[in-house]
Each structure stands twice: as structure tokens, then as C-alpha cells.
Amino acid sequence: MLSTVRLIFLFVWTLSLMLLAPLMILFTFNRQAPLYVARTLFSKGLLWIAGAKLSVAGTENVPKDIPAIYVANHCSHLDIGVLCRAAPVNLHFIGKKELAWVPIVGWYMFLTGHLFIDRSNRRKAIMSLKEAALKIKSGKNVIMFPEGTRSKDGKLGAFKTGAFHLAIDAGVNIIPIHIKGTHEIWPATNFKITPGKIDVCIGKPIDTKKYNKKTVKELMVDTQNAVGALGKL
């Protein structure tokens, strides 16, 4: 019963942010304002409702004056809120172009400057990635889950290369992150929420200038190893 109550409040809290936070743009003329709200007020409330206690290590590895691509493991709906709370910078997410037309969620992402990729064909996908790379160069911090989907067992899955092509195109560092505990609190396989502890470990930047398109898989493997190693700390 309590788990169901938590779940209902989580959805209401999330929808409330997506509906109200964009209104701040009208008053501040700043599309980053709702992201600041997500990083402070929303994420704090999300964790409180879920009964989660967050511990973060490695915030000193987050660059304050240059953009980066943050790469993390993914095993729960809570991961997005956790990362917003853990990272001391505003984070942007990448979604499919079609998502921009989805009521509330898509509108919120569009208004707050999140990035969209057109995957209708290979040419458009490549062009979308190049446009995203330019936006990252201009100052957007982006978070990506290269496993492509939430892990069903909480273990780190195989990475896909998309995030790493984007990092090389943008010429920015990759910041590896490992999230531990969200699978136990809210697993991908059901909607039962069990309060618990979440540990986030942020690793040292990986210099993508040491790689190129021919060695993108090496960058992918090195990043996956870095994320995996953080989970063992």
C-alpha cells in the first residue's frame, strides 16, 4: 500500500514540475531556469518521496566551466532524478525527435532545451548528431545512457557507440558515472518502490581527443570499464 502511495506521489510530483517549471522561462527569460529547479527542488523531492538516501562521491571531477558528456549506467526510472541531484551542473537529455510531440514530457524537454535525434533514417540521424554536437560545443552538458535501455537485473550491460561518436564530434570530455542502489529501490521489472540508499560515484574525465572515428570502439570500451570500476569502489 505504501509503495503505491509513493508511486502516485512520484508521478504527480514529476508532472507538476513539467507543467510549472517552464513557466519560469516567462519570468526569467532563461531556458536554464527549469533545469535548475529540476536539479534542486524536483530531484530533492523525488528522492524524499521514494525514501531514498543519496550519497555522492567525485563531484570534484565535474568541470564547472566547460561542457562535457556524462555517461552513466541505467537501471531505474529514478536514475534521471538522481543524476540531476548528484551533478552540480544543469544536465540535458537526448530523446527521439518524436518525443518532442508527446504532451507534457515532450513539451517540457523542448522548452527547456533538451536535444532530439531524428532516427527516421541514417542520413537524418547523422545530421541530428552533428547538430547535437554543435549545441554541446556551445555549452550544453549532456547525460547519456549508452546501454540503450534500463538493466533488468541491475548489472552493467553492453554499451552502444552513439554517445561516443557524439563525444568525438563535439570534442568534449566524457565523465563516467556509476549509480548503485536505484535498482533495489525501483527496479525496471516492476513498480514496487522500496526505500533504500543510493550511491553515485563520478569518475575522472576521459579525454576524447585521444580517440577518433576509427578508435571509437576503444573509447566505448574504456568508458564502460571506467563506469564498471566506479561501481566497485
Protein backbone atom coordinates (compact mmCIF):
# COMPACT_ATOMS: atom_id res chain seq x y z
CA MET A 1 0.00 0.00 0.00
CA LEU A 2 2.75 2.47 0.99
CA SER A 3 4.65 1.63 -2.18
CA THR A 4 1.57 2.50 -4.26
CA VAL A 5 1.21 5.82 -2.45
CA ARG A 6 4.87 6.63 -3.12
CA LEU A 7 4.41 5.78 -6.78
CA ILE A 8 1.38 8.03 -7.15
CA PHE A 9 3.15 10.93 -5.48
CA LEU A 10 6.21 10.42 -7.69
CA PHE A 11 4.13 10.73 -10.85
CA VAL A 12 2.20 13.75 -9.53
CA TRP A 13 5.43 15.44 -8.43
CA THR A 14 7.08 14.82 -11.81
CA LEU A 15 4.11 16.06 -13.84
CA SER A 16 3.85 19.14 -11.62
CA LEU A 17 7.45 20.08 -12.38
CA MET A 18 6.98 19.57 -16.11
CA LEU A 19 3.88 21.74 -16.11
CA LEU A 20 5.03 24.54 -13.79
CA ALA A 21 8.80 24.84 -14.20
CA PRO A 22 8.65 26.04 -17.85
CA LEU A 23 6.59 29.00 -16.64
CA MET A 24 9.80 30.27 -15.07
CA ILE A 25 11.08 30.95 -18.58
CA LEU A 26 8.41 33.63 -18.95
CA PHE A 27 9.70 35.43 -15.87
CA THR A 28 13.45 34.83 -16.18
CA PHE A 29 13.84 34.68 -20.00
CA ASN A 30 16.26 31.83 -19.27
CA ARG A 31 15.66 28.28 -20.55
CA GLN A 32 18.11 27.01 -17.92
CA ALA A 33 15.87 28.08 -15.03
CA PRO A 34 13.63 24.96 -15.12
CA LEU A 35 16.76 22.77 -15.21
CA TYR A 36 17.98 24.47 -12.05
CA VAL A 37 14.62 23.73 -10.46
CA ALA A 38 14.94 20.08 -11.57
CA ARG A 39 18.44 19.89 -10.09
CA THR A 40 17.47 21.39 -6.73
CA LEU A 41 13.79 21.28 -5.80
CA PHE A 42 12.42 18.48 -8.03
CA SER A 43 15.20 15.93 -7.52
CA LYS A 44 15.27 16.52 -3.76
CA GLY A 45 11.51 15.93 -3.55
CA LEU A 46 11.74 12.87 -5.78
CA LEU A 47 14.28 11.20 -3.50
CA TRP A 48 12.29 12.11 -0.39
CA ILE A 49 9.09 10.60 -1.80
CA ALA A 50 10.93 7.40 -2.79
CA GLY A 51 12.50 7.16 0.66
CA ALA A 52 15.99 7.25 -0.86
CA LYS A 53 19.12 8.50 0.86
CA LEU A 54 21.69 9.78 -1.65
CA SER A 55 25.45 9.71 -1.25
CA VAL A 56 27.67 11.29 -3.93
CA ALA A 57 31.43 10.96 -4.40
CA GLY A 58 33.66 12.58 -7.02
CA THR A 59 31.90 15.91 -7.60
CA GLU A 60 35.36 17.45 -7.85
CA ASN A 61 35.67 15.67 -11.21
CA VAL A 62 32.83 17.71 -12.72
CA PRO A 63 34.16 20.57 -14.87
CA LYS A 64 32.49 23.86 -13.93
CA ASP A 65 33.47 25.98 -16.94
CA ILE A 66 33.42 23.64 -19.94
CA PRO A 67 30.70 21.28 -21.28
CA ALA A 68 31.01 17.51 -21.13
CA ILE A 69 29.08 14.36 -21.93
CA TYR A 70 28.15 12.39 -18.82
CA VAL A 71 27.87 8.64 -19.32
CA ALA A 72 26.10 6.51 -16.70
CA ASN A 73 24.65 3.06 -16.16
CA HIS A 74 20.86 2.85 -16.20
CA CYS A 75 18.60 0.53 -14.24
CA SER A 76 15.69 2.55 -12.85
CA HIS A 77 13.22 5.37 -13.54
CA LEU A 78 14.90 7.13 -10.61
CA ASP A 79 18.24 7.48 -12.41
CA ILE A 80 17.36 10.76 -14.15
CA GLY A 81 16.33 12.47 -10.93
CA VAL A 82 19.34 11.04 -9.10
CA LEU A 83 21.76 12.40 -11.70
CA CYS A 84 20.09 15.82 -11.65
CA ARG A 85 20.70 15.88 -7.89
CA ALA A 86 24.20 14.40 -7.95
CA ALA A 87 25.79 16.58 -10.65
CA PRO A 88 26.46 20.24 -9.70
CA VAL A 89 25.64 21.39 -13.25
CA ASN A 90 22.47 21.54 -15.34
CA LEU A 91 22.11 18.39 -17.44
CA HIS A 92 20.40 17.97 -20.80
CA PHE A 93 18.99 14.70 -22.06
CA ILE A 94 18.72 13.33 -25.59
CA GLY A 95 15.49 11.85 -26.91
CA LYS A 96 13.93 10.72 -30.17
CA LYS A 97 12.53 13.54 -32.32
CA GLU A 98 9.02 12.09 -32.00
CA LEU A 99 9.19 12.61 -28.24
CA ALA A 100 9.01 16.39 -28.73
CA TRP A 101 5.32 16.00 -29.68
CA VAL A 102 4.36 13.92 -26.64
CA PRO A 103 2.15 16.01 -24.33
CA ILE A 104 3.80 17.39 -21.18
CA VAL A 105 7.02 15.31 -21.33
CA GLY A 106 7.99 16.29 -24.86
CA TRP A 107 6.85 19.87 -24.46
CA TYR A 108 8.92 20.20 -21.28
CA MET A 109 12.02 18.81 -23.00
CA PHE A 110 11.60 21.14 -25.97
CA LEU A 111 11.02 24.28 -23.92
CA THR A 112 13.98 23.59 -21.63
CA GLY A 113 16.47 22.96 -24.42
CA HIS A 114 16.95 19.21 -24.30
CA LEU A 115 18.25 17.61 -27.50
CA PHE A 116 16.38 15.49 -30.04
CA ILE A 117 17.68 12.99 -32.59
CA ASP A 118 15.87 12.16 -35.84
CA ARG A 119 16.27 8.40 -36.28
CA SER A 120 13.93 8.02 -39.27
CA ASN A 121 16.92 7.15 -41.46
CA ARG A 122 20.71 7.01 -41.27
CA ARG A 123 21.31 10.35 -43.02
CA LYS A 124 18.96 12.27 -40.75
CA ALA A 125 20.39 10.53 -37.69
CA ILE A 126 23.91 11.59 -38.64
CA MET A 127 22.78 15.17 -39.26
CA SER A 128 20.95 15.24 -35.93
CA LEU A 129 24.06 14.04 -34.12
CA LYS A 130 26.16 16.73 -35.79
CA GLU A 131 23.64 19.39 -34.73
CA ALA A 132 23.68 17.99 -31.19
CA ALA A 133 27.49 18.10 -31.21
CA LEU A 134 27.41 21.81 -32.07
CA LYS A 135 25.00 22.51 -29.22
CA ILE A 136 27.24 20.64 -26.81
CA LYS A 137 30.26 22.62 -28.01
CA SER A 138 28.29 25.80 -27.31
CA GLY A 139 27.95 24.86 -23.64
CA LYS A 140 25.30 22.17 -23.04
CA ASN A 141 26.14 19.40 -20.60
CA VAL A 142 24.54 16.16 -21.80
CA ILE A 143 23.81 12.93 -19.94
CA MET A 144 23.56 9.67 -21.89
CA PHE A 145 22.80 6.05 -21.00
CA PRO A 146 24.80 4.06 -23.60
CA GLU A 147 23.26 0.73 -22.59
CA GLY A 148 20.23 1.94 -24.53
CA THR A 149 17.67 0.67 -22.00
CA ARG A 150 17.30 0.05 -18.30
CA SER A 151 19.07 -3.02 -16.96
CA LYS A 152 16.62 -5.69 -15.85
CA ASP A 153 18.98 -7.24 -13.28
CA GLY A 154 20.89 -4.14 -12.14
CA LYS A 155 24.11 -5.30 -13.80
CA LEU A 156 26.03 -3.15 -16.27
CA GLY A 157 25.07 -4.06 -19.83
CA ALA A 158 26.95 -3.68 -23.12
CA PHE A 159 27.41 -0.13 -24.37
CA LYS A 160 26.42 1.19 -27.81
CA THR A 161 28.63 3.57 -29.77
CA GLY A 162 26.25 6.52 -30.30
CA ALA A 163 27.32 8.51 -27.24
CA PHE A 164 30.97 8.11 -28.17
CA HIS A 165 30.58 9.26 -31.77
CA LEU A 166 28.82 12.30 -30.35
CA ALA A 167 31.62 12.95 -27.84
CA ILE A 168 34.27 12.80 -30.56
CA ASP A 169 32.24 15.09 -32.85
CA ALA A 170 31.71 17.58 -30.02
CA GLY A 171 35.34 17.40 -28.91
CA VAL A 172 34.40 17.28 -25.22
CA ASN A 173 35.46 15.03 -22.37
CA ILE A 174 33.37 12.11 -21.12
CA ILE A 175 32.59 11.99 -17.41
CA PRO A 176 31.88 8.37 -16.32
CA ILE A 177 29.29 7.86 -13.59
CA HIS A 178 28.12 4.78 -11.74
CA ILE A 179 24.76 4.64 -9.95
CA LYS A 180 24.25 1.99 -7.29
CA GLY A 181 21.03 1.32 -5.40
CA THR A 182 18.27 2.57 -7.70
CA HIS A 183 17.64 -0.97 -8.98
CA GLU A 184 16.94 -2.14 -5.45
CA ILE A 185 14.63 0.82 -4.75
CA TRP A 186 12.69 0.82 -8.04
CA PRO A 187 13.70 -1.94 -10.48
CA ALA A 188 12.89 -1.81 -14.17
CA THR A 189 10.84 -5.00 -13.91
CA ASN A 190 8.06 -3.70 -11.63
CA PHE A 191 6.52 -0.66 -9.97
CA LYS A 192 7.24 -1.56 -6.37
CA ILE A 193 9.25 1.09 -4.51
CA THR A 194 11.37 0.07 -1.55
CA PRO A 195 13.23 2.82 0.38
CA GLY A 196 16.99 2.47 0.48
CA LYS A 197 20.39 4.02 -0.13
CA ILE A 198 21.75 5.28 -3.45
CA ASP A 199 25.47 5.73 -4.10
CA VAL A 200 26.68 7.80 -7.05
CA CYS A 201 30.33 7.83 -7.97
CA ILE A 202 31.60 10.37 -10.53
CA GLY A 203 34.90 9.46 -12.21
CA LYS A 204 37.73 11.44 -13.69
CA PRO A 205 37.22 12.92 -17.18
CA ILE A 206 38.14 10.80 -20.19
CA ASP A 207 39.91 12.88 -22.86
CA THR A 208 38.16 12.10 -26.16
CA LYS A 209 40.86 13.94 -28.14
CA LYS A 210 42.96 10.80 -27.75
CA TYR A 211 40.45 8.95 -29.92
CA ASN A 212 39.00 9.30 -33.41
CA LYS A 213 36.27 7.72 -35.52
CA LYS A 214 38.46 4.71 -36.19
CA THR A 215 39.04 4.10 -32.49
CA VAL A 216 35.55 4.99 -31.25
CA LYS A 217 35.01 1.43 -30.03
CA GLU A 218 38.13 1.73 -27.90
CA LEU A 219 36.64 4.87 -26.33
CA MET A 220 33.42 2.95 -25.73
CA VAL A 221 35.24 0.06 -24.04
CA ASP A 222 37.44 2.36 -21.96
CA THR A 223 34.37 4.26 -20.75
CA GLN A 224 32.47 1.08 -19.96
CA ASN A 225 35.45 -0.18 -17.97
CA ALA A 226 35.61 3.15 -16.12
CA VAL A 227 31.91 3.03 -15.23
CA GLY A 228 32.26 -0.59 -14.12
CA ALA A 229 35.30 0.20 -11.98
CA LEU A 230 33.44 3.03 -10.23
CA GLY A 231 30.78 0.51 -9.23
CA LYS A 232 33.40 -1.49 -7.34
CA LEU A 233 34.61 1.41 -5.21
